[in-house]
């Protein structure tokens, strides 16, 4: 299994690392190391995260208020977002197309 970051997730990773490094030199590298640690765990245990949609899962980082939003597809883990836990919840949903249900909801007659 391989792990791939979407371009937007790559941007979020570098932006967050730069923010942490500005707060305290070296903290950005710790953030990236934590990301890499969790990504390596996912490669060995791809279904470890909590389901948040069809083929979408989330797993949180330790020591940093971020979660990885990822999709399992074939032999690939695709990281969709590296999302802050307290800011703009669910903003990343615009990046994924959820499959439409194959059923129709009928309304009851009045």
N, C-alpha and C. Protein backbone atom coordinates (compact mmCIF):
# COMPACT_ATOMS: atom_id res chain seq x y z
N UNK A 1 0.85 -1.17 0.00
CA UNK A 1 0.00 0.00 0.00
C UNK A 1 0.90 1.24 0.00
N UNK A 2 0.50 2.24 -0.79
CA UNK A 2 1.27 3.48 -0.81
C UNK A 2 0.39 4.65 -0.38
N UNK A 3 1.05 5.69 0.09
CA UNK A 3 0.35 6.87 0.61
C UNK A 3 0.69 8.07 -0.27
N UNK A 4 -0.36 8.75 -0.75
CA UNK A 4 -0.19 9.89 -1.65
C UNK A 4 -0.93 11.09 -1.06
N UNK A 5 -0.30 12.26 -1.10
CA UNK A 5 -0.96 13.48 -0.64
C UNK A 5 -1.52 14.24 -1.84
N UNK A 6 -2.75 14.69 -1.71
CA UNK A 6 -3.33 15.58 -2.72
C UNK A 6 -2.58 16.91 -2.66
N UNK A 7 -2.51 17.65 -3.77
CA UNK A 7 -1.80 18.94 -3.75
C UNK A 7 -2.29 19.89 -2.66
N UNK A 8 -3.59 19.94 -2.42
CA UNK A 8 -4.11 20.82 -1.36
C UNK A 8 -3.63 20.37 0.01
N UNK A 9 -3.54 19.07 0.24
CA UNK A 9 -3.05 18.55 1.51
C UNK A 9 -1.57 18.86 1.68
N UNK A 10 -0.81 18.79 0.61
CA UNK A 10 0.61 19.14 0.65
C UNK A 10 0.77 20.60 1.07
N UNK A 11 -0.06 21.47 0.51
CA UNK A 11 -0.02 22.90 0.87
C UNK A 11 -0.37 23.08 2.34
N UNK A 12 -1.38 22.38 2.81
CA UNK A 12 -1.76 22.48 4.23
C UNK A 12 -0.64 22.02 5.14
N UNK A 13 0.05 20.97 4.75
CA UNK A 13 1.17 20.46 5.55
C UNK A 13 2.29 21.49 5.65
N UNK A 14 2.68 22.06 4.52
CA UNK A 14 3.78 23.03 4.54
C UNK A 14 3.37 24.33 5.24
N UNK A 15 2.12 24.76 5.06
CA UNK A 15 1.66 25.97 5.74
C UNK A 15 1.64 25.80 7.25
N UNK A 16 1.13 24.66 7.71
CA UNK A 16 1.08 24.41 9.15
C UNK A 16 2.49 24.28 9.73
N UNK A 17 3.37 23.61 9.01
CA UNK A 17 4.76 23.47 9.47
C UNK A 17 5.44 24.84 9.56
N UNK A 18 5.20 25.70 8.58
CA UNK A 18 5.78 27.04 8.61
C UNK A 18 5.22 27.84 9.78
N UNK A 19 3.92 27.72 10.05
CA UNK A 19 3.32 28.41 11.19
C UNK A 19 3.97 27.96 12.49
N UNK A 20 4.09 26.63 12.68
CA UNK A 20 4.68 26.12 13.92
C UNK A 20 6.15 26.50 14.04
N UNK A 21 6.86 26.51 12.93
CA UNK A 21 8.27 26.89 12.97
C UNK A 21 8.44 28.36 13.33
N UNK A 22 7.51 29.20 12.91
CA UNK A 22 7.55 30.62 13.28
C UNK A 22 7.29 30.81 14.77
N UNK A 23 6.48 29.92 15.34
CA UNK A 23 6.19 30.00 16.77
C UNK A 23 7.40 29.58 17.60
N UNK A 24 8.05 28.51 17.16
CA UNK A 24 9.24 28.00 17.85
C UNK A 24 10.07 27.22 16.85
N UNK A 25 11.30 27.65 16.60
CA UNK A 25 12.15 26.95 15.62
C UNK A 25 12.25 25.46 15.94
N UNK A 26 12.06 24.65 14.90
CA UNK A 26 12.13 23.21 15.04
C UNK A 26 10.77 22.55 15.24
N UNK A 27 9.77 23.33 15.66
CA UNK A 27 8.45 22.76 15.89
C UNK A 27 7.78 22.35 14.58
N UNK A 28 8.08 23.06 13.51
CA UNK A 28 7.55 22.69 12.19
C UNK A 28 8.06 21.32 11.76
N UNK A 29 9.33 21.03 12.05
CA UNK A 29 9.88 19.72 11.72
C UNK A 29 9.22 18.62 12.55
N UNK A 30 8.90 18.93 13.80
CA UNK A 30 8.19 17.96 14.64
C UNK A 30 6.80 17.68 14.08
N UNK A 31 6.14 18.72 13.58
CA UNK A 31 4.82 18.55 12.97
C UNK A 31 4.92 17.61 11.76
N UNK A 32 5.89 17.86 10.91
CA UNK A 32 6.08 17.01 9.72
C UNK A 32 6.43 15.58 10.13
N UNK A 33 7.25 15.42 11.15
CA UNK A 33 7.60 14.08 11.64
C UNK A 33 6.37 13.34 12.16
N UNK A 34 5.50 14.06 12.87
CA UNK A 34 4.27 13.44 13.37
C UNK A 34 3.36 13.03 12.21
N UNK A 35 3.26 13.89 11.22
CA UNK A 35 2.48 13.55 10.03
C UNK A 35 3.04 12.26 9.39
N UNK A 36 4.34 12.21 9.21
CA UNK A 36 4.97 11.04 8.58
C UNK A 36 4.78 9.78 9.41
N UNK A 37 4.81 9.91 10.74
CA UNK A 37 4.60 8.78 11.63
C UNK A 37 3.19 8.20 11.45
N UNK A 38 2.20 9.09 11.45
CA UNK A 38 0.81 8.65 11.29
C UNK A 38 0.59 8.07 9.89
N UNK A 39 1.17 8.68 8.87
CA UNK A 39 1.04 8.16 7.50
C UNK A 39 1.64 6.76 7.40
N UNK A 40 2.77 6.53 8.07
CA UNK A 40 3.39 5.20 8.05
C UNK A 40 2.51 4.16 8.76
N UNK A 41 1.85 4.58 9.82
CA UNK A 41 0.92 3.67 10.51
C UNK A 41 -0.24 3.32 9.59
N UNK A 42 -0.72 4.30 8.83
CA UNK A 42 -1.83 4.04 7.91
C UNK A 42 -1.45 3.07 6.80
N UNK A 43 -0.22 3.13 6.36
CA UNK A 43 0.24 2.20 5.32
C UNK A 43 0.11 0.76 5.82
N UNK A 44 0.43 0.54 7.10
CA UNK A 44 0.33 -0.81 7.67
C UNK A 44 -1.10 -1.16 8.08
N UNK A 45 -1.89 -0.15 8.47
CA UNK A 45 -3.26 -0.37 8.97
C UNK A 45 -4.21 0.65 8.33
N UNK A 46 -4.52 0.51 7.06
CA UNK A 46 -5.29 1.54 6.37
C UNK A 46 -6.69 1.78 6.90
N UNK A 47 -7.31 0.79 7.53
CA UNK A 47 -8.68 0.95 8.02
C UNK A 47 -8.71 1.45 9.46
N UNK A 48 -7.60 1.93 9.97
CA UNK A 48 -7.49 2.35 11.37
C UNK A 48 -8.35 3.57 11.70
N UNK A 49 -8.46 4.49 10.78
CA UNK A 49 -9.19 5.74 11.04
C UNK A 49 -10.69 5.54 11.15
N UNK A 50 -11.36 6.59 11.62
CA UNK A 50 -12.80 6.60 11.77
C UNK A 50 -13.46 6.98 10.46
N UNK A 51 -14.53 6.27 10.09
CA UNK A 51 -15.26 6.59 8.84
C UNK A 51 -15.96 7.94 8.96
N UNK A 52 -15.82 8.73 7.90
CA UNK A 52 -16.52 10.02 7.82
C UNK A 52 -17.28 10.16 6.51
N UNK A 53 -17.36 9.09 5.76
CA UNK A 53 -18.06 9.08 4.48
C UNK A 53 -17.73 7.80 3.74
N UNK A 54 -18.30 7.68 2.56
CA UNK A 54 -18.02 6.50 1.73
C UNK A 54 -16.54 6.50 1.34
N UNK A 55 -15.83 5.51 1.78
CA UNK A 55 -14.40 5.37 1.51
C UNK A 55 -13.55 6.51 2.09
N UNK A 56 -14.09 7.31 2.98
CA UNK A 56 -13.34 8.39 3.63
C UNK A 56 -13.16 8.08 5.10
N UNK A 57 -11.97 8.36 5.58
CA UNK A 57 -11.66 8.14 6.99
C UNK A 57 -10.85 9.31 7.52
N UNK A 58 -10.79 9.40 8.84
CA UNK A 58 -10.00 10.44 9.49
C UNK A 58 -9.21 9.83 10.64
N UNK A 59 -8.03 10.36 10.86
CA UNK A 59 -7.20 9.95 11.99
C UNK A 59 -6.46 11.20 12.48
N UNK A 60 -6.38 11.35 13.78
CA UNK A 60 -5.79 12.56 14.36
C UNK A 60 -4.31 12.38 14.67
N UNK A 61 -3.60 13.49 14.59
CA UNK A 61 -2.19 13.50 14.97
C UNK A 61 -2.09 13.63 16.48
N UNK A 62 -0.99 13.17 17.04
CA UNK A 62 -0.71 13.40 18.46
C UNK A 62 0.01 14.74 18.62
N UNK A 63 -0.25 15.42 19.69
CA UNK A 63 0.42 16.68 20.06
C UNK A 63 0.10 17.87 19.17
N UNK A 64 -0.64 17.67 18.10
CA UNK A 64 -1.02 18.77 17.21
C UNK A 64 -2.52 18.65 16.92
N UNK A 65 -3.24 19.75 16.86
CA UNK A 65 -4.69 19.69 16.66
C UNK A 65 -5.09 19.53 15.18
N UNK A 66 -4.56 18.52 14.54
CA UNK A 66 -4.84 18.26 13.13
C UNK A 66 -5.25 16.81 12.93
N UNK A 67 -6.08 16.60 11.92
CA UNK A 67 -6.48 15.25 11.50
C UNK A 67 -6.14 15.07 10.03
N UNK A 68 -5.85 13.86 9.67
CA UNK A 68 -5.67 13.51 8.26
C UNK A 68 -7.00 12.97 7.76
N UNK A 69 -7.48 13.52 6.68
CA UNK A 69 -8.67 13.01 6.02
C UNK A 69 -8.16 12.24 4.81
N UNK A 70 -8.51 10.97 4.72
CA UNK A 70 -7.95 10.15 3.64
C UNK A 70 -9.00 9.23 3.04
N UNK A 71 -8.70 8.79 1.84
CA UNK A 71 -9.57 7.88 1.09
C UNK A 71 -8.79 6.61 0.77
N UNK A 72 -9.45 5.49 0.94
CA UNK A 72 -8.87 4.20 0.56
C UNK A 72 -9.39 3.85 -0.82
N UNK A 73 -8.47 3.56 -1.71
CA UNK A 73 -8.87 3.14 -3.05
C UNK A 73 -7.83 2.17 -3.58
N UNK A 74 -8.29 0.96 -3.87
CA UNK A 74 -7.40 -0.10 -4.35
C UNK A 74 -6.24 -0.27 -3.38
N UNK A 75 -5.03 -0.09 -3.83
CA UNK A 75 -3.86 -0.25 -2.95
C UNK A 75 -3.23 1.11 -2.66
N UNK A 76 -4.09 2.11 -2.46
CA UNK A 76 -3.60 3.47 -2.28
C UNK A 76 -4.34 4.17 -1.14
N UNK A 77 -3.60 4.92 -0.36
CA UNK A 77 -4.17 5.82 0.63
C UNK A 77 -3.95 7.22 0.08
N UNK A 78 -5.02 7.93 -0.19
CA UNK A 78 -4.90 9.29 -0.72
C UNK A 78 -5.33 10.27 0.36
N UNK A 79 -4.38 11.07 0.82
CA UNK A 79 -4.67 12.07 1.86
C UNK A 79 -5.30 13.27 1.17
N UNK A 80 -6.55 13.53 1.53
CA UNK A 80 -7.34 14.60 0.93
C UNK A 80 -7.06 15.93 1.61
N UNK A 81 -6.92 15.90 2.95
CA UNK A 81 -6.73 17.14 3.71
C UNK A 81 -5.97 16.86 4.99
N UNK A 82 -5.28 17.88 5.45
CA UNK A 82 -4.67 17.89 6.77
C UNK A 82 -5.40 19.02 7.48
N UNK A 83 -6.46 18.65 8.17
CA UNK A 83 -7.44 19.62 8.67
C UNK A 83 -7.25 19.93 10.15
N UNK A 84 -7.28 21.21 10.48
CA UNK A 84 -7.26 21.65 11.88
C UNK A 84 -8.57 21.22 12.52
N UNK A 85 -8.50 20.73 13.74
CA UNK A 85 -9.68 20.18 14.40
C UNK A 85 -10.68 21.25 14.85
N UNK A 86 -10.26 22.49 14.98
CA UNK A 86 -11.16 23.52 15.51
C UNK A 86 -11.57 24.56 14.46
N UNK A 87 -10.92 24.59 13.33
CA UNK A 87 -11.20 25.62 12.32
C UNK A 87 -11.96 25.04 11.13
N UNK A 88 -12.93 25.77 10.65
CA UNK A 88 -13.68 25.43 9.44
C UNK A 88 -13.99 23.94 9.31
N UNK A 89 -14.82 23.41 10.18
CA UNK A 89 -15.12 21.98 10.08
C UNK A 89 -15.72 21.61 8.72
N UNK A 90 -15.31 20.50 8.23
CA UNK A 90 -15.83 19.93 6.98
C UNK A 90 -15.54 20.75 5.73
N UNK A 91 -14.65 21.71 5.77
CA UNK A 91 -14.32 22.49 4.56
C UNK A 91 -13.79 21.59 3.45
N UNK A 92 -13.14 20.51 3.83
CA UNK A 92 -12.51 19.62 2.86
C UNK A 92 -13.52 18.80 2.06
N UNK A 93 -14.77 18.76 2.49
CA UNK A 93 -15.77 17.97 1.77
C UNK A 93 -15.97 18.44 0.34
N UNK A 94 -15.66 19.69 0.06
CA UNK A 94 -15.78 20.17 -1.32
C UNK A 94 -14.72 19.54 -2.22
N UNK A 95 -13.71 18.93 -1.64
CA UNK A 95 -12.63 18.30 -2.42
C UNK A 95 -12.97 16.89 -2.87
N UNK A 96 -13.99 16.31 -2.30
CA UNK A 96 -14.34 14.93 -2.64
C UNK A 96 -15.75 14.87 -3.19
N UNK A 97 -15.92 13.99 -4.10
CA UNK A 97 -17.25 13.75 -4.65
C UNK A 97 -17.78 12.49 -4.00
N UNK A 98 -18.80 12.66 -3.20
CA UNK A 98 -19.42 11.51 -2.57
C UNK A 98 -20.30 10.82 -3.60
N UNK A 99 -20.28 9.50 -3.64
CA UNK A 99 -21.16 8.81 -4.59
C UNK A 99 -22.62 9.05 -4.24
N UNK A 100 -23.40 9.23 -5.25
CA UNK A 100 -24.84 9.44 -5.05
C UNK A 100 -25.48 8.10 -4.73
N UNK A 101 -26.46 8.08 -3.83
CA UNK A 101 -27.10 6.81 -3.48
C UNK A 101 -27.86 6.24 -4.68
N UNK A 102 -27.94 4.92 -4.72
CA UNK A 102 -28.62 4.27 -5.83
C UNK A 102 -30.09 3.98 -5.48
N UNK A 103 -30.68 4.82 -4.67
CA UNK A 103 -32.08 4.69 -4.31
C UNK A 103 -32.73 6.07 -4.33
N UNK A 104 -34.02 6.08 -4.32
CA UNK A 104 -34.78 7.34 -4.36
C UNK A 104 -35.61 7.42 -3.08
N UNK A 105 -35.62 8.58 -2.45
CA UNK A 105 -36.42 8.78 -1.26
C UNK A 105 -37.79 9.26 -1.71
N UNK A 106 -38.81 8.53 -1.33
CA UNK A 106 -40.18 8.89 -1.69
C UNK A 106 -40.85 9.62 -0.54
N UNK A 107 -41.62 10.63 -0.88
CA UNK A 107 -42.35 11.35 0.15
C UNK A 107 -43.70 10.69 0.35
N UNK A 108 -44.18 10.73 1.57
CA UNK A 108 -45.48 10.16 1.87
C UNK A 108 -46.57 11.06 1.32
N UNK A 109 -47.63 10.48 0.85
CA UNK A 109 -48.75 11.26 0.32
C UNK A 109 -49.43 12.00 1.47
N UNK A 110 -49.89 13.22 1.19
CA UNK A 110 -50.53 14.02 2.24
C UNK A 110 -51.96 13.63 2.47
